[in-house]
Protein backbone atom coordinates (compact mmCIF):
# COMPACT_ATOMS: atom_id res chain seq x y z
CA MET A 1 0.00 0.00 0.00
CA GLU A 2 1.38 3.39 -1.00
CA THR A 3 1.21 6.19 1.58
CA THR A 4 0.73 9.82 0.63
CA GLU A 5 2.75 12.37 2.62
CA TYR A 6 2.02 16.07 2.99
CA ARG A 7 3.81 19.01 4.58
CA ILE A 8 1.18 21.47 5.79
CA PRO A 9 0.65 24.03 8.56
CA ALA A 10 -0.63 22.56 11.81
CA VAL A 11 -2.67 23.70 14.80
CA ALA A 12 -2.52 22.00 18.20
CA LEU A 13 -6.02 21.84 19.71
CA ARG A 14 -6.65 22.00 23.45
CA GLY A 15 -9.22 19.48 24.67
CA MET A 16 -10.89 18.99 21.30
CA VAL A 17 -10.80 16.38 18.56
CA VAL A 18 -11.80 16.93 14.95
CA LEU A 19 -12.77 13.79 13.05
CA PRO A 20 -13.06 13.17 9.30
CA GLU A 21 -16.36 14.36 7.78
CA MET A 22 -17.08 16.49 10.85
CA VAL A 23 -17.87 20.19 10.43
CA THR A 24 -16.95 22.21 13.50
CA HIS A 25 -15.27 25.39 14.62
CA PHE A 26 -12.51 26.17 17.07
CA ASP A 27 -10.90 29.34 18.35
CA VAL A 28 -7.18 30.06 18.04
CA SER A 29 -5.39 32.72 20.03
CA ARG A 30 -1.76 31.57 20.20
CA SER A 31 0.42 33.46 17.73
CA ARG A 32 1.84 30.23 16.22
CA SER A 33 -1.67 28.90 15.63
CA ILE A 34 -2.87 32.16 14.07
CA LYS A 35 0.17 32.20 11.77
CA ALA A 36 -0.45 28.56 10.79
CA VAL A 37 -4.05 29.36 9.82
CA GLU A 38 -2.94 32.46 7.89
CA GLN A 39 -0.21 30.43 6.14
CA ALA A 40 -2.72 27.76 5.13
CA LEU A 41 -5.07 30.42 3.76
CA SER A 42 -2.35 32.29 1.86
CA GLN A 43 -1.22 29.14 0.07
CA LYS A 44 -4.75 27.77 -0.43
CA GLN A 45 -3.73 24.72 1.58
CA ASN A 46 -5.47 22.57 4.08
CA LEU A 47 -4.56 22.47 7.76
CA PHE A 48 -3.54 19.60 10.02
CA VAL A 49 -5.26 19.69 13.41
CA VAL A 50 -4.09 17.45 16.22
CA THR A 51 -5.01 17.32 19.90
CA GLN A 52 -2.54 18.19 22.63
CA GLN A 53 -2.01 15.57 25.32
CA ASP A 54 -1.93 18.27 28.02
CA PRO A 55 -4.16 21.29 27.34
CA ASP A 56 -2.09 23.45 29.73
CA THR A 57 1.02 23.28 27.51
CA ASP A 58 1.42 26.70 25.87
CA ALA A 59 4.11 25.87 23.29
CA PRO A 60 3.57 22.23 22.30
CA GLU A 61 6.32 20.22 20.62
CA GLN A 62 5.84 16.92 18.76
CA GLU A 63 6.05 14.83 21.95
CA ASP A 64 3.20 16.92 23.46
CA LEU A 65 0.79 15.96 20.66
CA PHE A 66 -1.11 12.79 19.87
CA THR A 67 0.18 10.77 16.93
CA TYR A 68 -2.99 10.97 14.84
CA GLY A 69 -4.95 14.03 13.78
CA THR A 70 -7.11 15.17 10.89
CA VAL A 71 -6.39 17.12 7.74
CA VAL A 72 -9.14 19.72 7.47
CA GLU A 73 -10.37 22.17 4.88
CA ILE A 74 -10.84 25.70 6.18
CA LYS A 75 -14.35 26.85 5.33
CA GLN A 76 -14.51 30.21 7.07
CA ILE A 77 -12.52 32.51 9.37
CA VAL A 78 -14.09 35.04 11.73
CA LYS A 79 -11.93 37.59 13.54
CA MET A 80 -13.11 37.92 17.13
CA PRO A 81 -12.18 40.50 19.76
CA HIS A 82 -8.89 40.15 21.69
CA ASN A 83 -6.94 38.77 18.70
CA ILE A 84 -8.88 35.50 18.47
CA LEU A 85 -9.71 33.72 15.21
CA ARG A 86 -12.76 31.46 15.00
CA VAL A 87 -12.02 28.85 12.34
CA LEU A 88 -14.77 26.78 10.72
CA VAL A 89 -13.38 23.55 9.27
CA GLU A 90 -14.48 20.29 7.69
CA GLY A 91 -12.49 17.15 8.43
CA MET A 92 -11.21 15.52 5.25
CA PHE A 93 -9.16 12.50 6.31
CA ARG A 94 -7.23 11.02 9.20
CA ALA A 95 -3.45 11.49 9.16
CA ARG A 96 -0.44 10.39 11.18
CA LEU A 97 2.04 12.99 12.39
CA VAL A 98 5.48 12.02 11.06
CA GLU A 99 7.50 15.13 11.89
CA LEU A 100 6.75 18.55 13.36
CA GLU A 101 8.79 21.67 12.68
CA THR A 102 8.37 24.42 15.23
CA GLY A 103 9.19 27.97 14.31
CA GLU A 104 7.04 30.93 13.43
CA TYR A 105 4.19 28.42 13.08
CA LEU A 106 3.83 24.63 13.38
CA ASN A 107 4.58 22.88 10.10
CA ALA A 108 3.75 19.17 10.03
CA GLN A 109 4.79 16.35 7.79
CA VAL A 110 1.85 13.94 7.84
CA GLU A 111 0.90 10.78 6.01
CA GLU A 112 -2.63 9.84 5.10
CA SER A 113 -3.96 7.04 7.29
CA GLU A 114 -6.43 4.37 6.27
CA PRO A 115 -9.75 4.46 8.14
CA GLU A 116 -9.98 1.71 10.72
CA ASP A 117 -12.70 -0.89 10.91
CA PHE A 118 -14.31 -0.43 14.32
CA GLY A 119 -15.85 -3.93 14.24
CA ASP A 120 -16.18 -5.36 17.75
CA LEU A 121 -15.16 -2.05 19.33
CA LEU A 122 -18.24 -0.40 17.83
CA VAL A 123 -20.56 -3.10 19.13
CA ALA A 124 -19.00 -2.87 22.62
CA PHE A 125 -19.35 0.93 22.57
CA LEU A 126 -23.03 0.72 21.61
CA LEU A 127 -23.86 -1.94 24.17
CA ARG A 128 -22.08 -0.08 26.97
CA ASN A 129 -23.78 3.24 26.12
CA ARG A 130 -27.24 2.03 25.12
CA ARG A 131 -29.06 4.29 27.59
CA GLU A 132 -27.20 7.46 26.54
CA ILE A 133 -27.84 6.67 22.88
CA ARG A 134 -31.58 6.26 23.48
CA VAL A 135 -31.65 9.60 25.36
CA PHE A 136 -29.77 11.24 22.49
CA ILE A 137 -32.26 9.88 19.95
CA GLY A 138 -35.16 10.98 22.13
CA ARG A 139 -33.77 14.50 22.17
CA LEU A 140 -33.42 14.45 18.38
CA ARG A 141 -37.03 13.35 18.02
CA LEU A 142 -38.19 16.03 20.43
CA ALA A 143 -36.29 18.63 18.42
CA SER A 144 -37.95 17.33 15.28
CA GLU A 145 -41.42 17.49 16.81
CA ARG A 146 -40.85 21.06 17.93
CA GLY A 147 -39.68 22.08 14.48
CA LEU A 148 -36.10 22.75 15.54
CA GLN A 149 -34.53 20.62 12.83
CA VAL A 150 -34.70 23.64 10.54
CA PHE A 151 -33.08 25.82 13.20
CA LEU A 152 -30.34 23.23 13.82
CA GLY A 153 -29.83 22.60 10.10
CA LEU A 154 -30.86 18.95 10.39
CA GLY A 155 -33.08 17.68 7.62
CA SER A 156 -35.75 15.11 8.33
CA SER A 157 -33.68 12.49 6.47
CA ILE A 158 -31.15 12.30 9.33
CA PHE A 159 -33.78 10.73 11.58
CA GLY A 160 -34.11 7.79 9.22
CA HIS A 161 -30.49 6.91 9.95
CA PHE A 162 -31.28 6.61 13.66
CA GLU A 163 -34.47 4.59 13.42
CA SER A 164 -33.40 1.07 12.60
CA PRO A 165 -29.94 0.82 14.16
CA PHE A 166 -30.92 2.13 17.57
CA LEU A 167 -34.52 1.25 18.19
CA ASP A 168 -34.08 -2.29 16.91
CA PHE A 169 -30.46 -2.05 18.13
CA GLN A 170 -28.64 -3.59 15.22
CA PRO A 171 -25.19 -2.00 15.56
CA TRP A 172 -23.85 -3.69 12.44
CA ALA A 173 -26.35 -1.69 10.38
CA LEU A 174 -24.76 1.66 11.26
CA ARG A 175 -23.66 3.85 8.43
CA PRO A 176 -19.86 4.46 8.45
CA TRP A 177 -20.16 8.22 9.00
CA LEU A 178 -22.40 7.85 12.06
CA MET A 179 -19.80 6.54 14.53
CA PRO A 180 -17.59 9.67 14.59
CA GLN A 181 -20.67 11.91 14.83
CA MET A 182 -22.04 9.93 17.78
CA ILE A 183 -18.72 9.99 19.61
CA HIS A 184 -18.63 13.75 19.16
CA CYS A 185 -22.21 14.32 20.38
CA LEU A 186 -22.48 11.85 23.26
CA ASN A 187 -21.04 12.05 26.73
CA THR A 188 -20.04 8.40 26.89
CA ASN A 189 -17.43 6.04 28.29
CA TRP A 190 -15.02 4.19 26.05
């Protein structure tokens, strides 16, 4: 199998994980992070986001970061007060951090990583968190009944994805994109 390597600007996230196919935003205030975002925008590049192991570290090096992160596409930047940038991104693919250059901004050499098959891990996760999943689905249904799906940007088709796998509880029927979204939305135990 051939691996594809990239050298792109990187941002170390504090207490947050961005997964492939996830659309989210985060705020950056450290000068190295702001410069990395600006560098990515100026070269029309993507950005590598990776979570710090200790959120209190102000100037993370490679050993302070997790090995895997996500290459994201920057969708929008909003300048906030107090020199803060709010960055809206969409996760593209999972990547492994090979090397990190620190300087004016973090510059990462990453290689694209194959998605993993969750298999038995997914089934164990669902069985262990069955109650929380049912509560989550109940809240989605309540939002739908109150007409909030338009406000939240959720179409009615999303509810069809939750019906069969959770109410009949057939975890093997889950769509591949649903697992990262559930992990992001649920307060669960791995």
